[in-house]
Amino acid sequence: MQANAMAVLLEETFPPTNPIPDDSMEKIMYRSGQRSVVEWVIKYLEENWWVLSLGLVATLLPIN
C-alpha cells in the first residue's frame, strides 16, 4: 500500500470528531488517542516520503 493510500484510509477510518455531552471521559480519551496516532502517522508519511521511496527502490534492486 502506498503512503498516500494509507493516509487516506486512516483519515476515513479515524476522522476527527468532536465529543458530545453524552460521551464518557473514557470514550473521549480513547478517540483522542486514536486520532493523535493517526495524525502522527500522517505527519511521518509526509515528512519521510523520501525514506519510504528509497526503501521501495532498494527492494527493486538486485542483490549480488
Protein backbone atom coordinates (compact mmCIF):
# COMPACT_ATOMS: atom_id res chain seq x y z
CA MET A 1 0.00 0.00 0.00
CA GLN A 2 1.32 3.41 -0.92
CA ALA A 3 1.83 6.04 1.75
CA ASN A 4 -0.83 8.32 0.29
CA ALA A 5 -3.37 5.49 0.23
CA MET A 6 -2.53 4.70 3.85
CA ALA A 7 -3.08 8.34 4.87
CA VAL A 8 -6.45 8.42 3.10
CA LEU A 9 -7.52 5.14 4.70
CA LEU A 10 -6.53 6.40 8.16
CA GLU A 11 -8.43 9.67 7.62
CA GLU A 12 -11.54 7.77 6.53
CA THR A 13 -11.35 5.18 9.31
CA PHE A 14 -10.49 7.58 12.15
CA PRO A 15 -11.86 11.00 11.19
CA PRO A 16 -11.54 13.95 13.54
CA THR A 17 -14.57 14.04 15.83
CA ASN A 18 -15.89 16.42 18.42
CA PRO A 19 -17.09 14.99 21.70
CA ILE A 20 -20.75 15.31 22.59
CA PRO A 21 -22.11 15.85 26.11
CA ASP A 22 -23.22 12.21 26.39
CA ASP A 23 -19.71 10.82 25.72
CA SER A 24 -17.92 9.36 28.70
CA MET A 25 -14.46 10.61 29.58
CA GLU A 26 -13.08 7.18 28.61
CA LYS A 27 -14.63 7.40 25.14
CA ILE A 28 -13.30 10.93 24.63
CA MET A 29 -9.80 9.91 25.71
CA TYR A 30 -9.87 6.75 23.56
CA ARG A 31 -10.90 8.66 20.43
CA SER A 32 -8.37 11.36 21.17
CA GLY A 33 -5.65 8.74 21.44
CA GLN A 34 -6.69 7.14 18.15
CA ARG A 35 -6.66 10.47 16.41
CA SER A 36 -3.29 11.50 17.81
CA VAL A 37 -1.75 8.32 16.41
CA VAL A 38 -3.37 8.95 13.02
CA GLU A 39 -2.02 12.50 12.97
CA TRP A 40 1.46 11.27 13.92
CA VAL A 41 1.46 8.62 11.16
CA ILE A 42 0.26 11.10 8.54
CA LYS A 43 2.89 13.64 9.61
CA TYR A 44 5.57 10.93 9.49
CA LEU A 45 4.49 9.87 5.99
CA GLU A 46 4.56 13.49 4.80
CA GLU A 47 7.98 14.23 6.30
CA ASN A 48 9.63 10.93 5.37
CA TRP A 49 8.21 10.18 1.95
CA TRP A 50 11.70 10.09 0.50
CA VAL A 51 12.84 7.44 3.02
CA LEU A 52 9.85 5.31 2.12
CA SER A 53 10.55 5.72 -1.61
CA LEU A 54 14.21 4.74 -1.08
CA GLY A 55 13.06 1.60 0.68
CA LEU A 56 10.92 0.73 -2.33
CA VAL A 57 13.83 1.32 -4.70
CA ALA A 58 16.11 -0.81 -2.53
CA THR A 59 13.68 -3.73 -2.71
CA LEU A 60 13.67 -3.49 -6.52
CA LEU A 61 17.47 -3.59 -6.84
CA PRO A 62 19.05 -6.99 -7.48
CA ILE A 63 21.21 -8.42 -4.74
CA ASN A 64 24.66 -9.59 -5.87
